């Protein structure tokens, strides 16, 4: 049991050491990338909606 606790302590000491080495992005980069993701999701949503309308229209011609 004592060996397990020491292993856990060692693990979290390593995590704390690595946490300090992480290079965090600045606020402008986070905002820019978030806006990019939102725009891309919006564009793909509109594209899929338009394709759905086209396929629905084509399938109604077949009936």
C-alpha atoms as a PDB file:
ATOM      1  CA  UNK A   1       0.000   0.000   0.000  1.00  0.00           C
ATOM      2  CA  UNK A   2       2.836   2.375   0.890  1.00  0.00           C
ATOM      3  CA  UNK A   3       4.532   1.645  -2.449  1.00  0.00           C
ATOM      4  CA  UNK A   4       1.318   2.583  -4.275  1.00  0.00           C
ATOM      5  CA  UNK A   5       1.087   5.921  -2.470  1.00  0.00           C
ATOM      6  CA  UNK A   6       4.708   6.726  -3.306  1.00  0.00           C
ATOM      7  CA  UNK A   7       4.058   5.867  -6.955  1.00  0.00           C
ATOM      8  CA  UNK A   8       1.060   8.202  -7.011  1.00  0.00           C
ATOM      9  CA  UNK A   9       3.088  11.003  -5.388  1.00  0.00           C
ATOM     10  CA  UNK A  10       5.891  10.512  -7.910  1.00  0.00           C
ATOM     11  CA  UNK A  11       3.397  10.586 -10.765  1.00  0.00           C
ATOM     12  CA  UNK A  12       1.847  13.876  -9.642  1.00  0.00           C
ATOM     13  CA  UNK A  13       5.273  15.435  -9.090  1.00  0.00           C
ATOM     14  CA  UNK A  14       6.063  14.571 -12.705  1.00  0.00           C
ATOM     15  CA  UNK A  15       2.751  16.039 -13.846  1.00  0.00           C
ATOM     16  CA  UNK A  16       3.487  19.260 -11.954  1.00  0.00           C
ATOM     17  CA  UNK A  17       6.949  19.484 -13.536  1.00  0.00           C
ATOM     18  CA  UNK A  18       5.557  18.944 -17.046  1.00  0.00           C
ATOM     19  CA  UNK A  19       2.743  21.424 -16.433  1.00  0.00           C
ATOM     20  CA  UNK A  20       5.309  24.197 -16.121  1.00  0.00           C
ATOM     21  CA  UNK A  21       6.872  23.290 -19.466  1.00  0.00           C
ATOM     22  CA  UNK A  22       3.649  23.602 -21.433  1.00  0.00           C
ATOM     23  CA  UNK A  23       3.599  26.542 -23.818  1.00  0.00           C
ATOM     24  CA  UNK A  24       0.128  27.993 -23.527  1.00  0.00           C
ATOM     25  CA  UNK A  25      -1.301  30.000 -26.452  1.00  0.00           C
ATOM     26  CA  UNK A  26      -2.006  33.663 -25.937  1.00  0.00           C
ATOM     27  CA  UNK A  27      -5.533  35.072 -25.853  1.00  0.00           C
ATOM     28  CA  UNK A  28      -5.452  36.360 -29.446  1.00  0.00           C
ATOM     29  CA  UNK A  29      -4.515  32.947 -30.795  1.00  0.00           C
ATOM     30  CA  UNK A  30      -7.283  31.224 -28.828  1.00  0.00           C
ATOM     31  CA  UNK A  31      -9.881  33.755 -29.981  1.00  0.00           C
ATOM     32  CA  UNK A  32      -8.733  33.527 -33.604  1.00  0.00           C
ATOM     33  CA  UNK A  33      -8.774  29.749 -33.680  1.00  0.00           C
ATOM     34  CA  UNK A  34     -12.163  29.635 -31.948  1.00  0.00           C
ATOM     35  CA  UNK A  35     -13.635  31.993 -34.538  1.00  0.00           C
ATOM     36  CA  UNK A  36     -12.082  29.873 -37.312  1.00  0.00           C
ATOM     37  CA  UNK A  37     -13.676  26.716 -35.933  1.00  0.00           C
ATOM     38  CA  UNK A  38     -17.080  28.389 -35.623  1.00  0.00           C
ATOM     39  CA  UNK A  39     -16.888  29.698 -39.211  1.00  0.00           C
ATOM     40  CA  UNK A  40     -15.819  26.309 -40.589  1.00  0.00           C
ATOM     41  CA  UNK A  41     -18.616  24.524 -38.730  1.00  0.00           C
ATOM     42  CA  UNK A  42     -21.123  27.076 -40.040  1.00  0.00           C
ATOM     43  CA  UNK A  43     -19.890  26.683 -43.642  1.00  0.00           C
ATOM     44  CA  UNK A  44     -20.061  22.884 -43.486  1.00  0.00           C
ATOM     45  CA  UNK A  45     -23.526  23.040 -41.903  1.00  0.00           C
ATOM     46  CA  UNK A  46     -24.806  25.255 -44.705  1.00  0.00           C
ATOM     47  CA  UNK A  47     -23.151  23.036 -47.336  1.00  0.00           C
ATOM     48  CA  UNK A  48     -24.745  19.888 -45.918  1.00  0.00           C
ATOM     49  CA  UNK A  49     -28.126  21.637 -45.713  1.00  0.00           C
ATOM     50  CA  UNK A  50     -27.877  22.727 -49.367  1.00  0.00           C
ATOM     51  CA  UNK A  51     -26.880  19.210 -50.448  1.00  0.00           C
ATOM     52  CA  UNK A  52     -29.820  17.837 -48.473  1.00  0.00           C
ATOM     53  CA  UNK A  53     -32.188  20.190 -50.294  1.00  0.00           C
ATOM     54  CA  UNK A  54     -30.686  19.242 -53.671  1.00  0.00           C
ATOM     55  CA  UNK A  55     -30.955  15.522 -53.014  1.00  0.00           C
ATOM     56  CA  UNK A  56     -34.496  15.939 -51.689  1.00  0.00           C
ATOM     57  CA  UNK A  57     -35.419  17.828 -54.863  1.00  0.00           C
ATOM     58  CA  UNK A  58     -33.798  15.222 -57.095  1.00  0.00           C
ATOM     59  CA  UNK A  59     -35.507  12.379 -55.288  1.00  0.00           C
ATOM     60  CA  UNK A  60     -38.889  14.109 -55.582  1.00  0.00           C
ATOM     61  CA  UNK A  61     -38.402  14.137 -59.372  1.00  0.00           C
ATOM     62  CA  UNK A  62     -37.941  10.368 -59.362  1.00  0.00           C
ATOM     63  CA  UNK A  63     -41.209   9.654 -57.538  1.00  0.00           C
END
